[in-house]
Every structure is written in C-alpha cells, then in structure tokens.
Amino acid sequence: MFGSVVFYCHFPDLLLAKHTTIVRRIYRAPINYLEQLTTGMADLILVNSKFTASTFAATFKRLDSQGIKPAVLYPAVNVDQFSQPNGYK
C-alpha cells in the first residue's frame, strides 16, 4: 500500500528544543519519545554528515542499541554558482 519511507536528518529536533523549565520538559517528553519511535520506523535513515551521524547515535540511544544506524548522504551543492562573485559577470 505504501512505499518505502526515507528519513533525512539534518539535526535531531530533540536537541533544538528548549528543556529549560519543568513545564517545557513535561511538554516535550511525549514529543521526544515519539520522535525516536517514529524515526526508527523509517525504512532508511540518512544524515547529512558524519557529525550528524554521531549526534544521532548519541541522541537516539535506543535506536543505536537496536543497531539502527544512519547512512551519510551529503547534500548536493551546485558549485558552478560560486564561479563568480554574486552580482558580477
């Protein structure tokens, strides 16, 4: 019915959210749990760098302990856009 699910991670949301007060920690707890759970359900997990791969493993310890490890796929960059300074021909 559904195709494969690919998750491309730039940085775990869990680390971007503030957990500074007890209210925020309580609010974020189910979101953080669901982020890890649903991320682990993807058929393929990709990250944008080796740094993000190590951050992913440190953040999602349950996935790492289950042997779920992301592959690195560096973002494509059109290097031709940098051949001349912007605005100059």
PDB file of N, CA and C in Angstrom:
ATOM      1  N   MET A   1       0.822  -1.192   0.000  1.00  0.00           N
ATOM      2  CA  MET A   1       0.000   0.000   0.000  1.00  0.00           C
ATOM      3  C   MET A   1       0.869   1.260   0.000  1.00  0.00           C
ATOM      4  N   PHE A   2       1.850   1.308   0.881  1.00  0.00           N
ATOM      5  CA  PHE A   2       2.726   2.473   0.955  1.00  0.00           C
ATOM      6  C   PHE A   2       4.108   2.094   0.463  1.00  0.00           C
ATOM      7  N   GLY A   3       4.841   3.078  -0.052  1.00  0.00           N
ATOM      8  CA  GLY A   3       6.210   2.848  -0.474  1.00  0.00           C
ATOM      9  C   GLY A   3       7.153   2.903   0.716  1.00  0.00           C
ATOM     10  N   SER A   4       8.408   2.859   0.423  1.00  0.00           N
ATOM     11  CA  SER A   4       9.423   2.944   1.472  1.00  0.00           C
ATOM     12  C   SER A   4       9.467   4.359   2.042  1.00  0.00           C
ATOM     13  N   VAL A   5       9.825   4.438   3.322  1.00  0.00           N
ATOM     14  CA  VAL A   5       9.945   5.725   3.997  1.00  0.00           C
ATOM     15  C   VAL A   5      11.422   6.018   4.230  1.00  0.00           C
ATOM     16  N   VAL A   6      11.873   7.162   3.717  1.00  0.00           N
ATOM     17  CA  VAL A   6      13.248   7.616   3.916  1.00  0.00           C
ATOM     18  C   VAL A   6      13.199   8.839   4.818  1.00  0.00           C
ATOM     19  N   PHE A   7      13.977   8.801   5.894  1.00  0.00           N
ATOM     20  CA  PHE A   7      14.066   9.935   6.810  1.00  0.00           C
ATOM     21  C   PHE A   7      15.440  10.562   6.636  1.00  0.00           C
ATOM     22  N   TYR A   8      15.475  11.858   6.278  1.00  0.00           N
ATOM     23  CA  TYR A   8      16.738  12.577   6.083  1.00  0.00           C
ATOM     24  C   TYR A   8      16.893  13.579   7.215  1.00  0.00           C
ATOM     25  N   CYS A   9      17.848  13.328   8.084  1.00  0.00           N
ATOM     26  CA  CYS A   9      18.020  14.110   9.303  1.00  0.00           C
ATOM     27  C   CYS A   9      19.128  15.146   9.139  1.00  0.00           C
ATOM     28  N   HIS A  10      18.798  16.391   9.402  1.00  0.00           N
ATOM     29  CA  HIS A  10      19.806  17.455   9.431  1.00  0.00           C
ATOM     30  C   HIS A  10      20.323  17.633  10.850  1.00  0.00           C
ATOM     31  N   PHE A  11      19.455  17.470  11.840  1.00  0.00           N
ATOM     32  CA  PHE A  11      19.828  17.562  13.248  1.00  0.00           C
ATOM     33  C   PHE A  11      18.607  17.157  14.058  1.00  0.00           C
ATOM     34  N   PRO A  12      18.766  16.354  15.107  1.00  0.00           N
ATOM     35  CA  PRO A  12      17.610  15.908  15.883  1.00  0.00           C
ATOM     36  C   PRO A  12      16.854  17.079  16.527  1.00  0.00           C
ATOM     37  N   ASP A  13      15.554  17.119  16.311  1.00  0.00           N
ATOM     38  CA  ASP A  13      14.707  18.170  16.884  1.00  0.00           C
ATOM     39  C   ASP A  13      14.796  18.189  18.404  1.00  0.00           C
ATOM     40  N   LEU A  14      14.955  17.032  18.975  1.00  0.00           N
ATOM     41  CA  LEU A  14      15.048  16.918  20.428  1.00  0.00           C
ATOM     42  C   LEU A  14      16.141  17.835  20.989  1.00  0.00           C
ATOM     43  N   LEU A  15      17.232  17.992  20.263  1.00  0.00           N
ATOM     44  CA  LEU A  15      18.334  18.831  20.730  1.00  0.00           C
ATOM     45  C   LEU A  15      18.114  20.313  20.448  1.00  0.00           C
ATOM     46  N   LEU A  16      17.219  20.621  19.544  1.00  0.00           N
ATOM     47  CA  LEU A  16      16.947  22.024  19.214  1.00  0.00           C
ATOM     48  C   LEU A  16      15.918  22.648  20.153  1.00  0.00           C
ATOM     49  N   ALA A  17      15.064  21.827  20.727  1.00  0.00           N
ATOM     50  CA  ALA A  17      14.009  22.323  21.614  1.00  0.00           C
ATOM     51  C   ALA A  17      14.597  22.690  22.976  1.00  0.00           C
ATOM     52  N   LYS A  18      14.024  23.698  23.580  1.00  0.00           N
ATOM     53  CA  LYS A  18      14.461  24.103  24.909  1.00  0.00           C
ATOM     54  C   LYS A  18      13.803  23.225  25.959  1.00  0.00           C
ATOM     55  N   HIS A  19      14.593  22.807  26.936  1.00  0.00           N
ATOM     56  CA  HIS A  19      14.114  21.994  28.048  1.00  0.00           C
ATOM     57  C   HIS A  19      14.463  22.704  29.361  1.00  0.00           C
ATOM     58  N   THR A  20      14.287  24.016  29.381  1.00  0.00           N
ATOM     59  CA  THR A  20      14.796  24.833  30.484  1.00  0.00           C
ATOM     60  C   THR A  20      13.904  24.854  31.721  1.00  0.00           C
ATOM     61  N   THR A  21      12.634  24.576  31.568  1.00  0.00           N
ATOM     62  CA  THR A  21      11.731  24.603  32.723  1.00  0.00           C
ATOM     63  C   THR A  21      11.035  23.259  32.848  1.00  0.00           C
ATOM     64  N   ILE A  22      10.469  23.007  33.983  1.00  0.00           N
ATOM     65  CA  ILE A  22       9.756  21.745  34.208  1.00  0.00           C
ATOM     66  C   ILE A  22       8.564  21.619  33.267  1.00  0.00           C
ATOM     67  N   VAL A  23       7.892  22.723  32.994  1.00  0.00           N
ATOM     68  CA  VAL A  23       6.744  22.703  32.078  1.00  0.00           C
ATOM     69  C   VAL A  23       7.201  22.299  30.672  1.00  0.00           C
ATOM     70  N   ARG A  24       8.311  22.869  30.226  1.00  0.00           N
ATOM     71  CA  ARG A  24       8.822  22.511  28.894  1.00  0.00           C
ATOM     72  C   ARG A  24       9.268  21.060  28.848  1.00  0.00           C
ATOM     73  N   ARG A  25       9.900  20.574  29.904  1.00  0.00           N
ATOM     74  CA  ARG A  25      10.336  19.172  29.933  1.00  0.00           C
ATOM     75  C   ARG A  25       9.134  18.229  29.891  1.00  0.00           C
ATOM     76  N   ILE A  26       8.081  18.562  30.632  1.00  0.00           N
ATOM     77  CA  ILE A  26       6.864  17.736  30.617  1.00  0.00           C
ATOM     78  C   ILE A  26       6.207  17.788  29.243  1.00  0.00           C
ATOM     79  N   TYR A  27       6.125  18.974  28.659  1.00  0.00           N
ATOM     80  CA  TYR A  27       5.529  19.144  27.335  1.00  0.00           C
ATOM     81  C   TYR A  27       6.307  18.365  26.276  1.00  0.00           C
ATOM     82  N   ARG A  28       7.645  18.414  26.340  1.00  0.00           N
ATOM     83  CA  ARG A  28       8.488  17.797  25.327  1.00  0.00           C
ATOM     84  C   ARG A  28       8.632  16.286  25.482  1.00  0.00           C
ATOM     85  N   ALA A  29       8.397  15.748  26.671  1.00  0.00           N
ATOM     86  CA  ALA A  29       8.630  14.314  26.910  1.00  0.00           C
ATOM     87  C   ALA A  29       7.918  13.418  25.895  1.00  0.00           C
ATOM     88  N   PRO A  30       6.615  13.573  25.671  1.00  0.00           N
ATOM     89  CA  PRO A  30       5.974  12.689  24.679  1.00  0.00           C
ATOM     90  C   PRO A  30       6.444  12.974  23.249  1.00  0.00           C
ATOM     91  N   ILE A  31       6.751  14.216  22.950  1.00  0.00           N
ATOM     92  CA  ILE A  31       7.238  14.564  21.605  1.00  0.00           C
ATOM     93  C   ILE A  31       8.594  13.917  21.368  1.00  0.00           C
ATOM     94  N   ASN A  32       9.479  13.995  22.355  1.00  0.00           N
ATOM     95  CA  ASN A  32      10.806  13.388  22.230  1.00  0.00           C
ATOM     96  C   ASN A  32      10.700  11.875  22.067  1.00  0.00           C
ATOM     97  N   TYR A  33       9.809  11.258  22.832  1.00  0.00           N
ATOM     98  CA  TYR A  33       9.602   9.811  22.729  1.00  0.00           C
ATOM     99  C   TYR A  33       9.093   9.449  21.337  1.00  0.00           C
ATOM    100  N   LEU A  34       8.105  10.191  20.851  1.00  0.00           N
ATOM    101  CA  LEU A  34       7.546   9.911  19.529  1.00  0.00           C
ATOM    102  C   LEU A  34       8.556  10.167  18.410  1.00  0.00           C
ATOM    103  N   GLU A  35       9.413  11.168  18.596  1.00  0.00           N
ATOM    104  CA  GLU A  35      10.439  11.440  17.579  1.00  0.00           C
ATOM    105  C   GLU A  35      11.348  10.224  17.412  1.00  0.00           C
ATOM    106  N   GLN A  36      11.792   9.660  18.520  1.00  0.00           N
ATOM    107  CA  GLN A  36      12.669   8.496  18.451  1.00  0.00           C
ATOM    108  C   GLN A  36      11.917   7.278  17.897  1.00  0.00           C
ATOM    109  N   LEU A  37      10.707   7.059  18.372  1.00  0.00           N
ATOM    110  CA  LEU A  37       9.913   5.919  17.934  1.00  0.00           C
ATOM    111  C   LEU A  37       9.637   5.964  16.432  1.00  0.00           C
ATOM    112  N   THR A  38       9.135   7.092  15.958  1.00  0.00           N
ATOM    113  CA  THR A  38       8.755   7.185  14.540  1.00  0.00           C
ATOM    114  C   THR A  38       9.975   7.257  13.623  1.00  0.00           C
ATOM    115  N   THR A  39      11.055   7.848  14.085  1.00  0.00           N
ATOM    116  CA  THR A  39      12.279   7.865  13.282  1.00  0.00           C
ATOM    117  C   THR A  39      12.768   6.444  13.058  1.00  0.00           C
ATOM    118  N   GLY A  40      12.692   5.628  14.083  1.00  0.00           N
ATOM    119  CA  GLY A  40      13.113   4.239  13.978  1.00  0.00           C
ATOM    120  C   GLY A  40      12.239   3.400  13.069  1.00  0.00           C
ATOM    121  N   MET A  41      11.068   3.883  12.732  1.00  0.00           N
ATOM    122  CA  MET A  41      10.156   3.150  11.852  1.00  0.00           C
ATOM    123  C   MET A  41      10.474   3.358  10.370  1.00  0.00           C
ATOM    124  N   ALA A  42      11.342   4.297  10.067  1.00  0.00           N
ATOM    125  CA  ALA A  42      11.690   4.559   8.671  1.00  0.00           C
ATOM    126  C   ALA A  42      12.433   3.365   8.085  1.00  0.00           C
ATOM    127  N   ASP A  43      12.246   3.153   6.797  1.00  0.00           N
ATOM    128  CA  ASP A  43      12.931   2.069   6.106  1.00  0.00           C
ATOM    129  C   ASP A  43      14.410   2.384   5.895  1.00  0.00           C
ATOM    130  N   LEU A  44      14.721   3.663   5.752  1.00  0.00           N
ATOM    131  CA  LEU A  44      16.098   4.111   5.541  1.00  0.00           C
ATOM    132  C   LEU A  44      16.267   5.438   6.253  1.00  0.00           C
ATOM    133  N   ILE A  45      17.326   5.559   7.041  1.00  0.00           N
ATOM    134  CA  ILE A  45      17.619   6.813   7.734  1.00  0.00           C
ATOM    135  C   ILE A  45      18.929   7.351   7.187  1.00  0.00           C
ATOM    136  N   LEU A  46      18.884   8.589   6.730  1.00  0.00           N
ATOM    137  CA  LEU A  46      20.054   9.271   6.190  1.00  0.00           C
ATOM    138  C   LEU A  46      20.333  10.516   7.019  1.00  0.00           C
ATOM    139  N   VAL A  47      21.607  10.864   7.130  1.00  0.00           N
ATOM    140  CA  VAL A  47      22.007  12.112   7.783  1.00  0.00           C
ATOM    141  C   VAL A  47      22.931  12.865   6.847  1.00  0.00           C
ATOM    142  N   ASN A  48      23.115  14.155   7.115  1.00  0.00           N
ATOM    143  CA  ASN A  48      23.849  15.000   6.178  1.00  0.00           C
ATOM    144  C   ASN A  48      25.352  15.081   6.427  1.00  0.00           C
ATOM    145  N   SER A  49      25.872  14.404   7.471  1.00  0.00           N
ATOM    146  CA  SER A  49      27.310  14.443   7.744  1.00  0.00           C
ATOM    147  C   SER A  49      27.669  13.376   8.773  1.00  0.00           C
ATOM    148  N   LYS A  50      28.956  13.121   8.897  1.00  0.00           N
ATOM    149  CA  LYS A  50      29.420  12.191   9.925  1.00  0.00           C
ATOM    150  C   LYS A  50      29.162  12.762  11.319  1.00  0.00           C
ATOM    151  N   PHE A  51      29.278  14.095  11.454  1.00  0.00           N
ATOM    152  CA  PHE A  51      28.984  14.738  12.731  1.00  0.00           C
ATOM    153  C   PHE A  51      27.531  14.476  13.131  1.00  0.00           C
ATOM    154  N   THR A  52      26.611  14.652  12.194  1.00  0.00           N
ATOM    155  CA  THR A  52      25.196  14.411  12.486  1.00  0.00           C
ATOM    156  C   THR A  52      24.953  12.936  12.786  1.00  0.00           C
ATOM    157  N   ALA A  53      25.681  12.034  12.138  1.00  0.00           N
ATOM    158  CA  ALA A  53      25.546  10.605  12.427  1.00  0.00           C
ATOM    159  C   ALA A  53      25.932  10.313  13.874  1.00  0.00           C
ATOM    160  N   SER A  54      27.019  10.914  14.352  1.00  0.00           N
ATOM    161  CA  SER A  54      27.427  10.683  15.741  1.00  0.00           C
ATOM    162  C   SER A  54      26.456  11.352  16.714  1.00  0.00           C
ATOM    163  N   THR A  55      25.943  12.520  16.355  1.00  0.00           N
ATOM    164  CA  THR A  55      24.945  13.198  17.184  1.00  0.00           C
ATOM    165  C   THR A  55      23.659  12.385  17.232  1.00  0.00           C
ATOM    166  N   PHE A  56      23.266  11.834  16.105  1.00  0.00           N
ATOM    167  CA  PHE A  56      22.084  10.987  16.010  1.00  0.00           C
ATOM    168  C   PHE A  56      22.224   9.790  16.955  1.00  0.00           C
ATOM    169  N   ALA A  57      23.370   9.113  16.903  1.00  0.00           N
ATOM    170  CA  ALA A  57      23.594   7.932  17.753  1.00  0.00           C
ATOM    171  C   ALA A  57      23.574   8.298  19.231  1.00  0.00           C
ATOM    172  N   ALA A  58      24.172   9.444  19.585  1.00  0.00           N
ATOM    173  CA  ALA A  58      24.198   9.872  20.985  1.00  0.00           C
ATOM    174  C   ALA A  58      22.823  10.309  21.469  1.00  0.00           C
ATOM    175  N   THR A  59      22.003  10.832  20.580  1.00  0.00           N
ATOM    176  CA  THR A  59      20.678  11.323  20.941  1.00  0.00           C
ATOM    177  C   THR A  59      19.658  10.191  21.000  1.00  0.00           C
ATOM    178  N   PHE A  60      19.668   9.346  19.992  1.00  0.00           N
ATOM    179  CA  PHE A  60      18.707   8.248  19.905  1.00  0.00           C
ATOM    180  C   PHE A  60      19.376   6.942  20.342  1.00  0.00           C
ATOM    181  N   LYS A  61      19.675   6.843  21.613  1.00  0.00           N
ATOM    182  CA  LYS A  61      20.410   5.690  22.149  1.00  0.00           C
ATOM    183  C   LYS A  61      19.650   4.386  21.969  1.00  0.00           C
ATOM    184  N   ARG A  62      18.325   4.433  22.062  1.00  0.00           N
ATOM    185  CA  ARG A  62      17.532   3.210  21.873  1.00  0.00           C
ATOM    186  C   ARG A  62      17.698   2.688  20.448  1.00  0.00           C
ATOM    187  N   LEU A  63      17.667   3.579  19.474  1.00  0.00           N
ATOM    188  CA  LEU A  63      17.841   3.152  18.081  1.00  0.00           C
ATOM    189  C   LEU A  63      19.244   2.609  17.866  1.00  0.00           C
ATOM    190  N   ASP A  64      20.236   3.287  18.438  1.00  0.00           N
ATOM    191  CA  ASP A  64      21.612   2.842  18.303  1.00  0.00           C
ATOM    192  C   ASP A  64      21.795   1.454  18.916  1.00  0.00           C
ATOM    193  N   SER A  65      21.177   1.216  20.079  1.00  0.00           N
ATOM    194  CA  SER A  65      21.305  -0.090  20.733  1.00  0.00           C
ATOM    195  C   SER A  65      20.589  -1.191  19.942  1.00  0.00           C
ATOM    196  N   GLN A  66      19.629  -0.812  19.114  1.00  0.00           N
ATOM    197  CA  GLN A  66      18.921  -1.775  18.260  1.00  0.00           C
ATOM    198  C   GLN A  66      19.653  -1.988  16.926  1.00  0.00           C
ATOM    199  N   GLY A  67      20.793  -1.327  16.776  1.00  0.00           N
ATOM    200  CA  GLY A  67      21.577  -1.471  15.546  1.00  0.00           C
ATOM    201  C   GLY A  67      21.082  -0.605  14.408  1.00  0.00           C
ATOM    202  N   ILE A  68      20.199   0.348  14.709  1.00  0.00           N
ATOM    203  CA  ILE A  68      19.696   1.257  13.676  1.00  0.00           C
ATOM    204  C   ILE A  68      20.678   2.412  13.560  1.00  0.00           C
ATOM    205  N   LYS A  69      21.407   2.421  12.457  1.00  0.00           N
ATOM    206  CA  LYS A  69      22.429   3.433  12.248  1.00  0.00           C
ATOM    207  C   LYS A  69      22.171   4.131  10.914  1.00  0.00           C
ATOM    208  N   PRO A  70      22.246   5.457  10.913  1.00  0.00           N
ATOM    209  CA  PRO A  70      22.002   6.171   9.661  1.00  0.00           C
ATOM    210  C   PRO A  70      23.189   6.090   8.710  1.00  0.00           C
ATOM    211  N   ALA A  71      22.894   6.213   7.443  1.00  0.00           N
ATOM    212  CA  ALA A  71      23.932   6.343   6.421  1.00  0.00           C
ATOM    213  C   ALA A  71      24.125   7.823   6.139  1.00  0.00           C
ATOM    214  N   VAL A  72      25.330   8.195   5.739  1.00  0.00           N
ATOM    215  CA  VAL A  72      25.623   9.599   5.438  1.00  0.00           C
ATOM    216  C   VAL A  72      25.378   9.859   3.956  1.00  0.00           C
ATOM    217  N   LEU A  73      24.571  10.870   3.682  1.00  0.00           N
ATOM    218  CA  LEU A  73      24.345  11.350   2.316  1.00  0.00           C
ATOM    219  C   LEU A  73      24.550  12.855   2.349  1.00  0.00           C
ATOM    220  N   TYR A  74      25.698  13.290   1.835  1.00  0.00           N
ATOM    221  CA  TYR A  74      25.998  14.715   1.861  1.00  0.00           C
ATOM    222  C   TYR A  74      25.068  15.462   0.913  1.00  0.00           C
ATOM    223  N   PRO A  75      24.603  16.654   1.325  1.00  0.00           N
ATOM    224  CA  PRO A  75      23.720  17.434   0.444  1.00  0.00           C
ATOM    225  C   PRO A  75      24.446  17.820  -0.848  1.00  0.00           C
ATOM    226  N   ALA A  76      23.721  17.785  -1.928  1.00  0.00           N
ATOM    227  CA  ALA A  76      24.290  18.190  -3.217  1.00  0.00           C
ATOM    228  C   ALA A  76      24.399  19.711  -3.273  1.00  0.00           C
ATOM    229  N   VAL A  77      25.492  20.177  -3.806  1.00  0.00           N
ATOM    230  CA  VAL A  77      25.717  21.622  -3.942  1.00  0.00           C
ATOM    231  C   VAL A  77      26.136  21.899  -5.374  1.00  0.00           C
ATOM    232  N   ASN A  78      25.493  22.882  -5.985  1.00  0.00           N
ATOM    233  CA  ASN A  78      25.855  23.310  -7.325  1.00  0.00           C
ATOM    234  C   ASN A  78      27.065  24.242  -7.209  1.00  0.00           C
ATOM    235  N   VAL A  79      28.273  23.705  -7.411  1.00  0.00           N
ATOM    236  CA  VAL A  79      29.485  24.509  -7.230  1.00  0.00           C
ATOM    237  C   VAL A  79      29.657  25.562  -8.322  1.00  0.00           C
ATOM    238  N   ASP A  80      28.985  25.416  -9.452  1.00  0.00           N
ATOM    239  CA  ASP A  80      29.080  26.414 -10.514  1.00  0.00           C
ATOM    240  C   ASP A  80      28.566  27.779 -10.063  1.00  0.00           C
ATOM    241  N   GLN A  81      27.675  27.804  -9.099  1.00  0.00           N
ATOM    242  CA  GLN A  81      27.138  29.076  -8.620  1.00  0.00           C
ATOM    243  C   GLN A  81      28.207  29.920  -7.928  1.00  0.00           C
ATOM    244  N   PHE A  82      29.338  29.316  -7.575  1.00  0.00           N
ATOM    245  CA  PHE A  82      30.393  30.028  -6.879  1.00  0.00           C
ATOM    246  C   PHE A  82      31.550  30.417  -7.804  1.00  0.00           C
ATOM    247  N   SER A  83      31.379  30.225  -9.110  1.00  0.00           N
ATOM    248  CA  SER A  83      32.467  30.508 -10.043  1.00  0.00           C
ATOM    249  C   SER A  83      32.782  32.000 -10.158  1.00  0.00           C
ATOM    250  N   GLN A  84      31.782  32.844  -9.905  1.00  0.00           N
ATOM    251  CA  GLN A  84      31.983  34.293  -9.933  1.00  0.00           C
ATOM    252  C   GLN A  84      31.286  34.901  -8.723  1.00  0.00           C
ATOM    253  N   PRO A  85      31.845  35.973  -8.185  1.00  0.00           N
ATOM    254  CA  PRO A  85      31.170  36.638  -7.054  1.00  0.00           C
ATOM    255  C   PRO A  85      29.759  37.067  -7.456  1.00  0.00           C
ATOM    256  N   ASN A  86      28.845  37.033  -6.523  1.00  0.00           N
ATOM    257  CA  ASN A  86      27.447  37.391  -6.765  1.00  0.00           C
ATOM    258  C   ASN A  86      27.342  38.823  -7.293  1.00  0.00           C
ATOM    259  N   GLY A  87      26.625  38.980  -8.385  1.00  0.00           N
ATOM    260  CA  GLY A  87      26.398  40.305  -8.960  1.00  0.00           C
ATOM    261  C   GLY A  87      27.406  40.730  -9.989  1.00  0.00           C
ATOM    262  N   TYR A  88      28.457  39.935 -10.196  1.00  0.00           N
ATOM    263  CA  TYR A  88      29.492  40.277 -11.159  1.00  0.00           C
ATOM    264  C   TYR A  88      29.452  39.313 -12.338  1.00  0.00           C
ATOM    265  N   LYS A  89      29.691  39.825 -13.531  1.00  0.00           N
ATOM    266  CA  LYS A  89      29.725  38.980 -14.735  1.00  0.00           C
ATOM    267  C   LYS A  89      31.051  39.102 -15.414  1.00  0.00           C
TER     268      LYS A  89
END
